[in-house]
Amino acid sequence: SLKWTRSKLFLKSRMLRQHRSINSWNAFVRVKHMEANEGHEKGDRIKLTKFIAENRDQLVHEHSRLTLAEKRALNAKVVEARQQKSHAARANSKATRHDMNATFTSMDHEVMVSVNVFLGFAIHDLIFDVDQHTITTCPRPLNKLVSDCRTLIQEELSKLLHNIKGKVNMNYTNYKRNIVEHYSLAL
């Protein structure tokens, strides 16, 4: 609903609402209140309700003496002030938390990418450092060769990643799920 969307986006301010019609009394009281507070510091200013309560009779008398042109001029000043006021949506705490989480997630992703690149180079060098004569001269079944390669890769990965708590068995059925998706590491 529109109400829910406004509350989630924190747009309950006057940003999306239509302005009510301008009241010359409010504009007049605002001008008089600003004149009364002129020269006062922030903590010493007179509150609007107190100002109206103390000067109500005088304000009503002066407002009744205003001409139609003066009232229109006050209304025009209010319209001009509304147009000059900047209307920006403010971020609420949920939006700020979401932005921070997104930032940290992207930082984690960048770190994981750099770790993966490092591991890729380490494994690449490791595989090409193996003496190729022993592989070709020793006749082995294909399953044994694949198993030896997986074991070698697993040992080198455990050397590089000291803080791994569990051990993941390397086989084709769980390679993608357990290695690629869980550790974000592709071989």
N, C-alpha and C. Protein backbone atom coordinates (compact mmCIF):
# COMPACT_ATOMS: atom_id res chain seq x y z
N SER A 1 0.84 -1.18 0.00
CA SER A 1 0.00 0.00 0.00
C SER A 1 0.88 1.24 0.00
N LEU A 2 0.29 2.36 -0.32
CA LEU A 2 1.04 3.61 -0.38
C LEU A 2 1.52 4.02 1.00
N LYS A 3 0.70 3.80 2.01
CA LYS A 3 1.09 4.16 3.38
C LYS A 3 2.30 3.34 3.82
N TRP A 4 2.29 2.03 3.54
CA TRP A 4 3.40 1.16 3.91
C TRP A 4 4.68 1.57 3.18
N THR A 5 4.55 1.88 1.87
CA THR A 5 5.72 2.28 1.09
C THR A 5 6.30 3.58 1.62
N ARG A 6 5.45 4.53 1.93
CA ARG A 6 5.94 5.80 2.47
C ARG A 6 6.65 5.61 3.80
N SER A 7 6.09 4.74 4.65
CA SER A 7 6.72 4.55 5.95
C SER A 7 8.05 3.83 5.81
N LYS A 8 8.16 2.87 4.88
CA LYS A 8 9.42 2.16 4.69
C LYS A 8 10.47 3.06 4.05
N LEU A 9 10.08 3.93 3.17
CA LEU A 9 11.02 4.85 2.53
C LEU A 9 11.18 6.14 3.31
N PHE A 10 10.52 6.24 4.43
CA PHE A 10 10.57 7.42 5.30
C PHE A 10 10.17 8.66 4.52
N LEU A 11 9.08 8.56 3.80
CA LEU A 11 8.59 9.68 3.01
C LEU A 11 7.32 10.26 3.61
N LYS A 12 7.18 10.18 4.93
CA LYS A 12 5.99 10.73 5.56
C LYS A 12 6.09 12.25 5.65
N SER A 13 7.24 12.79 5.34
CA SER A 13 7.40 14.22 5.39
C SER A 13 6.53 14.85 4.31
N ARG A 14 6.68 16.09 4.12
CA ARG A 14 5.83 16.80 3.16
C ARG A 14 6.26 16.57 1.72
N MET A 15 7.14 15.61 1.54
CA MET A 15 7.67 15.39 0.20
C MET A 15 6.59 14.91 -0.77
N LEU A 16 5.76 13.97 -0.36
CA LEU A 16 4.75 13.42 -1.26
C LEU A 16 3.34 13.92 -0.97
N ARG A 17 3.18 14.57 0.17
CA ARG A 17 1.84 15.05 0.51
C ARG A 17 1.56 16.37 -0.18
N GLN A 18 0.33 16.58 -0.51
CA GLN A 18 -0.07 17.86 -1.06
C GLN A 18 -0.09 18.89 0.07
N HIS A 19 0.36 20.09 -0.25
CA HIS A 19 0.32 21.15 0.74
C HIS A 19 -1.12 21.60 0.94
N ARG A 20 -1.42 21.89 2.17
CA ARG A 20 -2.74 22.45 2.42
C ARG A 20 -2.75 23.90 1.97
N SER A 21 -3.93 24.46 1.87
CA SER A 21 -4.01 25.85 1.42
C SER A 21 -3.35 26.76 2.44
N ILE A 22 -2.82 27.84 1.94
CA ILE A 22 -2.07 28.77 2.78
C ILE A 22 -3.04 29.61 3.59
N ASN A 23 -2.72 29.76 4.86
CA ASN A 23 -3.55 30.50 5.78
C ASN A 23 -2.82 31.80 6.11
N SER A 24 -3.46 32.94 5.84
CA SER A 24 -2.80 34.22 6.08
C SER A 24 -2.55 34.46 7.57
N TRP A 25 -3.39 33.88 8.43
CA TRP A 25 -3.19 34.01 9.88
C TRP A 25 -1.87 33.35 10.29
N ASN A 26 -1.65 32.14 9.80
CA ASN A 26 -0.41 31.44 10.14
C ASN A 26 0.82 32.18 9.61
N ALA A 27 0.72 32.70 8.39
CA ALA A 27 1.83 33.46 7.83
C ALA A 27 2.09 34.72 8.64
N PHE A 28 1.03 35.39 9.04
CA PHE A 28 1.16 36.62 9.84
C PHE A 28 1.79 36.31 11.20
N VAL A 29 1.31 35.27 11.87
CA VAL A 29 1.85 34.91 13.18
C VAL A 29 3.31 34.49 13.05
N ARG A 30 3.64 33.80 11.99
CA ARG A 30 5.03 33.38 11.78
C ARG A 30 5.95 34.59 11.66
N VAL A 31 5.52 35.59 10.89
CA VAL A 31 6.33 36.80 10.72
C VAL A 31 6.50 37.51 12.06
N LYS A 32 5.42 37.66 12.81
CA LYS A 32 5.48 38.35 14.11
C LYS A 32 6.34 37.56 15.11
N HIS A 33 6.23 36.25 15.07
CA HIS A 33 7.03 35.40 15.97
C HIS A 33 8.52 35.52 15.65
N MET A 34 8.85 35.56 14.36
CA MET A 34 10.25 35.72 13.97
C MET A 34 10.77 37.09 14.38
N GLU A 35 9.92 38.13 14.28
CA GLU A 35 10.33 39.47 14.72
C GLU A 35 10.57 39.50 16.23
N ALA A 36 9.73 38.80 16.99
CA ALA A 36 9.89 38.78 18.45
C ALA A 36 11.15 38.02 18.86
N ASN A 37 11.52 37.01 18.11
CA ASN A 37 12.70 36.21 18.44
C ASN A 37 13.99 36.74 17.83
N GLU A 38 13.90 37.82 17.08
CA GLU A 38 15.08 38.38 16.44
C GLU A 38 16.06 38.86 17.50
N GLY A 39 17.31 38.44 17.39
CA GLY A 39 18.33 38.85 18.35
C GLY A 39 18.46 37.92 19.54
N HIS A 40 17.56 36.98 19.70
CA HIS A 40 17.65 36.01 20.80
C HIS A 40 18.54 34.83 20.38
N GLU A 41 19.24 34.27 21.35
CA GLU A 41 20.04 33.07 21.08
C GLU A 41 19.11 31.86 20.99
N LYS A 42 19.66 30.73 20.61
CA LYS A 42 18.84 29.55 20.36
C LYS A 42 18.09 29.09 21.60
N GLY A 43 18.69 29.11 22.76
CA GLY A 43 18.02 28.63 23.97
C GLY A 43 17.07 29.65 24.59
N ASP A 44 17.19 30.93 24.18
CA ASP A 44 16.40 32.00 24.79
C ASP A 44 15.18 32.40 23.98
N ARG A 45 14.91 31.75 22.89
CA ARG A 45 13.80 32.14 22.03
C ARG A 45 12.46 31.80 22.67
N ILE A 46 11.45 32.56 22.28
CA ILE A 46 10.09 32.37 22.80
C ILE A 46 9.42 31.28 21.98
N LYS A 47 8.77 30.35 22.66
CA LYS A 47 8.05 29.28 21.97
C LYS A 47 6.80 29.87 21.31
N LEU A 48 6.38 29.27 20.21
CA LEU A 48 5.25 29.79 19.43
C LEU A 48 3.97 29.78 20.25
N THR A 49 3.70 28.68 20.95
CA THR A 49 2.45 28.61 21.73
C THR A 49 2.42 29.66 22.83
N LYS A 50 3.55 29.87 23.47
CA LYS A 50 3.62 30.88 24.53
C LYS A 50 3.46 32.28 23.94
N PHE A 51 4.07 32.51 22.77
CA PHE A 51 3.97 33.81 22.11
C PHE A 51 2.52 34.12 21.75
N ILE A 52 1.81 33.13 21.19
CA ILE A 52 0.41 33.36 20.82
C ILE A 52 -0.45 33.57 22.06
N ALA A 53 -0.21 32.80 23.12
CA ALA A 53 -1.01 32.94 24.34
C ALA A 53 -0.83 34.32 24.96
N GLU A 54 0.37 34.85 24.96
CA GLU A 54 0.63 36.15 25.59
C GLU A 54 0.16 37.32 24.72
N ASN A 55 0.20 37.19 23.42
CA ASN A 55 -0.09 38.31 22.52
C ASN A 55 -1.30 38.09 21.63
N ARG A 56 -2.21 37.22 22.03
CA ARG A 56 -3.32 36.84 21.16
C ARG A 56 -4.19 38.04 20.76
N ASP A 57 -4.59 38.86 21.72
CA ASP A 57 -5.48 39.99 21.42
C ASP A 57 -4.82 40.97 20.45
N GLN A 58 -3.55 41.26 20.71
CA GLN A 58 -2.84 42.19 19.84
C GLN A 58 -2.68 41.61 18.43
N LEU A 59 -2.38 40.31 18.35
CA LEU A 59 -2.21 39.67 17.04
C LEU A 59 -3.52 39.66 16.25
N VAL A 60 -4.63 39.34 16.93
CA VAL A 60 -5.94 39.31 16.26
C VAL A 60 -6.29 40.71 15.76
N HIS A 61 -6.03 41.73 16.56
CA HIS A 61 -6.34 43.10 16.18
C HIS A 61 -5.51 43.52 14.96
N GLU A 62 -4.20 43.23 15.00
CA GLU A 62 -3.34 43.61 13.87
C GLU A 62 -3.69 42.82 12.61
N HIS A 63 -4.04 41.55 12.77
CA HIS A 63 -4.39 40.74 11.59
C HIS A 63 -5.68 41.23 10.95
N SER A 64 -6.62 41.67 11.76
CA SER A 64 -7.90 42.16 11.21
C SER A 64 -7.72 43.47 10.45
N ARG A 65 -6.66 44.20 10.75
CA ARG A 65 -6.41 45.48 10.08
C ARG A 65 -5.64 45.31 8.76
N LEU A 66 -5.19 44.09 8.48
CA LEU A 66 -4.46 43.86 7.23
C LEU A 66 -5.41 43.95 6.04
N THR A 67 -4.91 44.51 4.96
CA THR A 67 -5.71 44.57 3.73
C THR A 67 -5.56 43.25 2.98
N LEU A 68 -6.40 43.06 1.98
CA LEU A 68 -6.35 41.85 1.18
C LEU A 68 -5.01 41.73 0.44
N ALA A 69 -4.47 42.84 -0.02
CA ALA A 69 -3.18 42.83 -0.73
C ALA A 69 -2.06 42.41 0.22
N GLU A 70 -2.09 42.88 1.46
CA GLU A 70 -1.06 42.51 2.44
C GLU A 70 -1.15 41.01 2.78
N LYS A 71 -2.38 40.50 2.90
CA LYS A 71 -2.56 39.07 3.17
C LYS A 71 -2.03 38.23 2.00
N ARG A 72 -2.31 38.68 0.77
CA ARG A 72 -1.81 37.96 -0.40
C ARG A 72 -0.28 38.01 -0.47
N ALA A 73 0.30 39.13 -0.06
CA ALA A 73 1.77 39.24 -0.05
C ALA A 73 2.36 38.26 0.96
N LEU A 74 1.73 38.13 2.14
CA LEU A 74 2.20 37.16 3.14
C LEU A 74 2.09 35.73 2.59
N ASN A 75 0.97 35.45 1.93
CA ASN A 75 0.78 34.12 1.35
C ASN A 75 1.81 33.83 0.26
N ALA A 76 2.13 34.85 -0.54
CA ALA A 76 3.13 34.68 -1.60
C ALA A 76 4.51 34.37 -1.01
N LYS A 77 4.83 35.01 0.13
CA LYS A 77 6.11 34.72 0.79
C LYS A 77 6.16 33.27 1.28
N VAL A 78 5.03 32.77 1.76
CA VAL A 78 4.99 31.38 2.22
C VAL A 78 5.18 30.43 1.04
N VAL A 79 4.52 30.73 -0.08
CA VAL A 79 4.67 29.89 -1.28
C VAL A 79 6.12 29.89 -1.75
N GLU A 80 6.74 31.06 -1.75
CA GLU A 80 8.14 31.16 -2.17
C GLU A 80 9.06 30.39 -1.22
N ALA A 81 8.79 30.48 0.08
CA ALA A 81 9.61 29.75 1.05
C ALA A 81 9.45 28.24 0.86
N ARG A 82 8.24 27.79 0.55
CA ARG A 82 8.01 26.36 0.31
C ARG A 82 8.76 25.87 -0.93
N GLN A 83 8.80 26.69 -1.96
CA GLN A 83 9.49 26.29 -3.19
C GLN A 83 11.00 26.27 -3.02
N GLN A 84 11.53 27.16 -2.18
CA GLN A 84 12.98 27.20 -1.97
C GLN A 84 13.46 26.11 -1.02
N LYS A 85 12.56 25.58 -0.21
CA LYS A 85 12.95 24.56 0.76
C LYS A 85 13.29 23.27 0.02
N SER A 86 14.41 22.67 0.41
CA SER A 86 14.81 21.42 -0.24
C SER A 86 14.09 20.26 0.42
N HIS A 87 13.57 19.38 -0.42
CA HIS A 87 12.85 18.21 0.07
C HIS A 87 13.67 16.98 -0.28
N ALA A 88 14.30 16.41 0.71
CA ALA A 88 15.11 15.22 0.48
C ALA A 88 14.68 14.14 1.45
N ALA A 89 14.64 12.93 0.95
CA ALA A 89 14.29 11.80 1.82
C ALA A 89 15.47 11.51 2.73
N ARG A 90 15.17 11.32 3.99
CA ARG A 90 16.22 11.02 4.96
C ARG A 90 16.32 9.51 5.13
N ALA A 91 17.52 9.06 5.33
CA ALA A 91 17.73 7.62 5.52
C ALA A 91 17.37 7.25 6.95
N ASN A 92 16.53 6.24 7.09
CA ASN A 92 16.22 5.76 8.44
C ASN A 92 17.26 4.71 8.84
N SER A 93 17.14 4.23 10.06
CA SER A 93 18.16 3.32 10.57
C SER A 93 18.20 2.01 9.80
N LYS A 94 17.05 1.54 9.34
CA LYS A 94 17.03 0.28 8.59
C LYS A 94 17.76 0.44 7.25
N ALA A 95 17.54 1.56 6.58
CA ALA A 95 18.22 1.80 5.30
C ALA A 95 19.73 1.95 5.51
N THR A 96 20.12 2.63 6.59
CA THR A 96 21.54 2.78 6.88
C THR A 96 22.18 1.44 7.16
N ARG A 97 21.50 0.60 7.95
CA ARG A 97 22.02 -0.73 8.25
C ARG A 97 22.14 -1.56 6.97
N HIS A 98 21.15 -1.45 6.09
CA HIS A 98 21.18 -2.18 4.82
C HIS A 98 22.38 -1.74 3.98
N ASP A 99 22.64 -0.43 3.91
CA ASP A 99 23.78 0.06 3.14
C ASP A 99 25.10 -0.44 3.72
N MET A 100 25.20 -0.43 5.05
CA MET A 100 26.43 -0.92 5.69
C MET A 100 26.63 -2.41 5.41
N ASN A 101 25.56 -3.18 5.53
CA ASN A 101 25.67 -4.62 5.25
C ASN A 101 26.07 -4.88 3.80
N ALA A 102 25.51 -4.11 2.88
CA ALA A 102 25.87 -4.26 1.47
C ALA A 102 27.34 -3.92 1.25
N THR A 103 27.83 -2.89 1.93
CA THR A 103 29.24 -2.51 1.81
C THR A 103 30.15 -3.61 2.33
N PHE A 104 29.81 -4.13 3.52
CA PHE A 104 30.63 -5.20 4.09
C PHE A 104 30.57 -6.47 3.24
N THR A 105 29.41 -6.76 2.67
CA THR A 105 29.29 -7.93 1.81
C THR A 105 30.17 -7.79 0.58
N SER A 106 30.18 -6.61 -0.02
CA SER A 106 31.04 -6.41 -1.19
C SER A 106 32.52 -6.47 -0.81
N MET A 107 32.86 -5.98 0.40
CA MET A 107 34.25 -6.09 0.85
C MET A 107 34.63 -7.56 1.05
N ASP A 108 33.74 -8.33 1.67
CA ASP A 108 34.00 -9.76 1.84
C ASP A 108 34.18 -10.46 0.50
N HIS A 109 33.34 -10.08 -0.47
CA HIS A 109 33.44 -10.68 -1.80
C HIS A 109 34.79 -10.36 -2.44
N GLU A 110 35.25 -9.10 -2.30
CA GLU A 110 36.54 -8.73 -2.87
C GLU A 110 37.68 -9.51 -2.22
N VAL A 111 37.60 -9.69 -0.89
CA VAL A 111 38.64 -10.46 -0.20
C VAL A 111 38.63 -11.90 -0.68
N MET A 112 37.43 -12.48 -0.80
CA MET A 112 37.34 -13.87 -1.25
C MET A 112 37.87 -14.03 -2.68
N VAL A 113 37.61 -13.05 -3.53
CA VAL A 113 38.12 -13.11 -4.90
C VAL A 113 39.64 -13.09 -4.90
N SER A 114 40.22 -12.21 -4.08
CA SER A 114 41.69 -12.15 -4.05
C SER A 114 42.27 -13.43 -3.46
N VAL A 115 41.61 -14.02 -2.45
CA VAL A 115 42.08 -15.29 -1.89
C VAL A 115 41.97 -16.39 -2.94
N ASN A 116 40.87 -16.40 -3.68
CA ASN A 116 40.69 -17.42 -4.73
C ASN A 116 41.76 -17.29 -5.82
N VAL A 117 42.09 -16.06 -6.17
CA VAL A 117 43.13 -15.86 -7.18
C VAL A 117 44.47 -16.39 -6.66
N PHE A 118 44.76 -16.07 -5.40
CA PHE A 118 46.00 -16.55 -4.80
C PHE A 118 46.04 -18.08 -4.77
N LEU A 119 44.93 -18.68 -4.34
CA LEU A 119 44.87 -20.15 -4.29
C LEU A 119 44.96 -20.76 -5.68
N GLY A 120 44.36 -20.10 -6.64
CA GLY A 120 44.44 -20.60 -8.01
C GLY A 120 45.87 -20.64 -8.52
N PHE A 121 46.63 -19.56 -8.25
CA PHE A 121 48.03 -19.55 -8.66
C PHE A 121 48.84 -20.59 -7.90
N ALA A 122 48.54 -20.75 -6.59
CA ALA A 122 49.28 -21.73 -5.80
C ALA A 122 49.03 -23.14 -6.31
N ILE A 123 47.78 -23.47 -6.59
CA ILE A 123 47.45 -24.81 -7.08
C ILE A 123 48.00 -25.02 -8.48
N HIS A 124 47.93 -23.96 -9.30
CA HIS A 124 48.48 -24.05 -10.66
C HIS A 124 49.97 -24.37 -10.61
N ASP A 125 50.71 -23.64 -9.76
CA ASP A 125 52.14 -23.91 -9.64
C ASP A 125 52.40 -25.29 -9.07
N LEU A 126 51.56 -25.71 -8.13
CA LEU A 126 51.74 -27.02 -7.50
C LEU A 126 51.55 -28.15 -8.51
N ILE A 127 50.53 -28.03 -9.33
CA ILE A 127 50.24 -29.09 -10.31
C ILE A 127 51.35 -29.16 -11.35
N PHE A 128 51.85 -28.00 -11.78
CA PHE A 128 52.87 -28.03 -12.81
C PHE A 128 54.27 -28.30 -12.26
N ASP A 129 54.43 -28.30 -10.91
CA ASP A 129 55.71 -28.67 -10.32
C ASP A 129 55.87 -30.18 -10.21
N VAL A 130 54.80 -30.93 -10.34
CA VAL A 130 54.87 -32.39 -10.22
C VAL A 130 55.72 -32.92 -11.37
N ASP A 131 56.58 -33.83 -11.05
CA ASP A 131 57.46 -34.40 -12.06
C ASP A 131 56.61 -35.19 -13.06
N GLN A 132 56.60 -34.74 -14.29
CA GLN A 132 55.73 -35.36 -15.29
C GLN A 132 56.23 -36.74 -15.70
N HIS A 133 57.51 -37.02 -15.48
CA HIS A 133 58.03 -38.34 -15.87
C HIS A 133 57.45 -39.43 -14.98
N THR A 134 57.22 -39.14 -13.71
CA THR A 134 56.67 -40.17 -12.83
C THR A 134 55.24 -40.48 -13.20
N ILE A 135 54.52 -39.48 -13.68
CA ILE A 135 53.12 -39.72 -14.04
C ILE A 135 53.05 -40.56 -15.31
N THR A 136 53.88 -40.24 -16.28
CA THR A 136 53.78 -40.96 -17.56
C THR A 136 54.47 -42.31 -17.53
N THR A 137 55.56 -42.44 -16.76
CA THR A 137 56.29 -43.71 -16.78
C THR A 137 55.67 -44.76 -15.88
N CYS A 138 54.96 -44.34 -14.84
CA CYS A 138 54.33 -45.31 -13.95
C CYS A 138 52.92 -45.56 -14.44
N PRO A 139 52.65 -46.68 -15.00
CA PRO A 139 51.28 -46.94 -15.47
C PRO A 139 50.34 -47.11 -14.27
N ARG A 140 49.34 -46.27 -14.22
CA ARG A 140 48.35 -46.31 -13.15
C ARG A 140 46.98 -46.25 -13.79
N PRO A 141 46.01 -46.79 -13.09
CA PRO A 141 44.65 -46.63 -13.61
C PRO A 141 44.20 -45.17 -13.48
N LEU A 142 43.27 -44.80 -14.31
CA LEU A 142 42.79 -43.42 -14.32
C LEU A 142 42.20 -43.03 -12.97
N ASN A 143 41.45 -43.92 -12.33
CA ASN A 143 40.86 -43.61 -11.03
C ASN A 143 41.92 -43.30 -9.98
N LYS A 144 43.02 -44.06 -10.00
CA LYS A 144 44.10 -43.84 -9.04
C LYS A 144 44.77 -42.50 -9.29
N LEU A 145 44.97 -42.15 -10.55
CA LEU A 145 45.58 -40.88 -10.91
C LEU A 145 44.71 -39.71 -10.46
N VAL A 146 43.41 -39.80 -10.71
CA VAL A 146 42.48 -38.75 -10.28
C VAL A 146 42.46 -38.64 -8.77
N SER A 147 42.48 -39.78 -8.09
CA SER A 147 42.48 -39.79 -6.64
C SER A 147 43.75 -39.15 -6.08
N ASP A 148 44.89 -39.46 -6.67
CA ASP A 148 46.15 -38.85 -6.22
C ASP A 148 46.14 -37.34 -6.42
N CYS A 149 45.63 -36.91 -7.55
CA CYS A 149 45.54 -35.46 -7.81
C CYS A 149 44.64 -34.78 -6.79
N ARG A 150 43.49 -35.39 -6.50
CA ARG A 150 42.57 -34.81 -5.52
C ARG A 150 43.20 -34.76 -4.14
N THR A 151 43.90 -35.82 -3.76
CA THR A 151 44.56 -35.86 -2.46
C THR A 151 45.63 -34.78 -2.36
N LEU A 152 46.41 -34.62 -3.42
CA LEU A 152 47.44 -33.60 -3.45
C LEU A 152 46.83 -32.20 -3.32
N ILE A 153 45.77 -31.96 -4.05
CA ILE A 153 45.09 -30.66 -3.99
C ILE A 153 44.53 -30.43 -2.59
N GLN A 154 43.92 -31.44 -2.00
CA GLN A 154 43.33 -31.31 -0.67
C GLN A 154 44.41 -31.01 0.38
N GLU A 155 45.56 -31.67 0.29
CA GLU A 155 46.64 -31.43 1.25
C GLU A 155 47.17 -30.01 1.13
N GLU A 156 47.36 -29.54 -0.09
CA GLU A 156 47.88 -28.18 -0.27
C GLU A 156 46.86 -27.13 0.16
N LEU A 157 45.58 -27.41 -0.09
CA LEU A 157 44.55 -26.48 0.37
C LEU A 157 44.53 -26.41 1.89
N SER A 158 44.68 -27.55 2.56
CA SER A 158 44.65 -27.52 4.02
C SER A 158 45.89 -26.83 4.58
N LYS A 159 47.01 -26.85 3.85
CA LYS A 159 48.18 -26.10 4.29
C LYS A 159 47.92 -24.60 4.17
N LEU A 160 47.28 -24.20 3.07
CA LEU A 160 47.04 -22.77 2.85
C LEU A 160 45.94 -22.22 3.76
N LEU A 161 44.93 -23.00 3.98
CA LEU A 161 43.79 -22.55 4.80
C LEU A 161 43.87 -23.23 6.15
N HIS A 162 44.51 -22.59 7.10
CA HIS A 162 44.74 -23.20 8.41
C HIS A 162 43.48 -23.30 9.24
N ASN A 163 42.55 -22.39 9.06
CA ASN A 163 41.40 -22.32 9.96
C ASN A 163 40.21 -23.16 9.51
N ILE A 164 40.38 -24.07 8.60
CA ILE A 164 39.29 -24.95 8.18
C ILE A 164 39.06 -25.97 9.29
N LYS A 165 37.85 -26.03 9.77
CA LYS A 165 37.52 -26.92 10.88
C LYS A 165 37.23 -28.34 10.41
N GLY A 166 36.50 -28.46 9.32
CA GLY A 166 36.10 -29.79 8.85
C GLY A 166 36.87 -30.18 7.61
N LYS A 167 36.71 -31.41 7.23
CA LYS A 167 37.37 -31.91 6.04
C LYS A 167 36.31 -32.26 5.01
N VAL A 168 36.52 -31.84 3.80
CA VAL A 168 35.57 -32.10 2.73
C VAL A 168 36.20 -33.12 1.81
N ASN A 169 35.54 -34.24 1.66
CA ASN A 169 36.04 -35.26 0.74
C ASN A 169 35.83 -34.79 -0.68
N MET A 170 36.84 -34.97 -1.49
CA MET A 170 36.76 -34.51 -2.87
C MET A 170 36.28 -35.65 -3.75
N ASN A 171 35.10 -35.51 -4.28
CA ASN A 171 34.65 -36.40 -5.33
C ASN A 171 33.73 -35.61 -6.24
N TYR A 172 33.40 -36.17 -7.37
CA TYR A 172 32.66 -35.41 -8.36
C TYR A 172 31.24 -35.09 -7.92
N THR A 173 30.67 -35.87 -7.04
CA THR A 173 29.28 -35.62 -6.66
C THR A 173 29.14 -34.44 -5.73
N ASN A 174 30.13 -34.20 -4.86
CA ASN A 174 29.97 -33.09 -3.93
C ASN A 174 30.95 -31.95 -4.18
N TYR A 175 31.68 -32.00 -5.27
CA TYR A 175 32.66 -30.95 -5.55
C TYR A 175 32.00 -29.58 -5.66
N LYS A 176 31.00 -29.47 -6.52
CA LYS A 176 30.38 -28.16 -6.74
C LYS A 176 29.68 -27.65 -5.49
N ARG A 177 28.92 -28.53 -4.84
CA ARG A 177 28.15 -28.09 -3.68
C ARG A 177 29.06 -27.78 -2.49
N ASN A 178 29.98 -28.65 -2.16
CA ASN A 178 30.77 -28.48 -0.95
C ASN A 178 31.97 -27.56 -1.12
N ILE A 179 32.55 -27.52 -2.27
CA ILE A 179 33.75 -26.71 -2.45
C ILE A 179 33.40 -25.36 -3.08
N VAL A 180 32.80 -25.39 -4.24
CA VAL A 180 32.56 -24.15 -4.97
C VAL A 180 31.55 -23.27 -4.25
N GLU A 181 30.43 -23.83 -3.83
CA GLU A 181 29.40 -23.01 -3.21
C GLU A 181 29.74 -22.65 -1.77
N HIS A 182 30.29 -23.58 -1.01
CA HIS A 182 30.55 -23.32 0.41
C HIS A 182 31.78 -22.45 0.62
N TYR A 183 32.88 -22.78 -0.05
CA TYR A 183 34.12 -22.04 0.15
C TYR A 183 34.38 -20.99 -0.92
N SER A 184 33.52 -20.89 -1.90
CA SER A 184 33.68 -19.97 -3.02
C SER A 184 35.04 -20.16 -3.68
N LEU A 185 35.37 -21.39 -3.91
CA LEU A 185 36.68 -21.72 -4.46
C LEU A 185 36.49 -22.72 -5.58
N ALA A 186 36.91 -22.34 -6.77
CA ALA A 186 36.78 -23.25 -7.92
C ALA A 186 38.16 -23.69 -8.35
N LEU A 187 38.28 -24.96 -8.63
CA LEU A 187 39.57 -25.51 -9.06
C LEU A 187 39.58 -25.71 -10.56
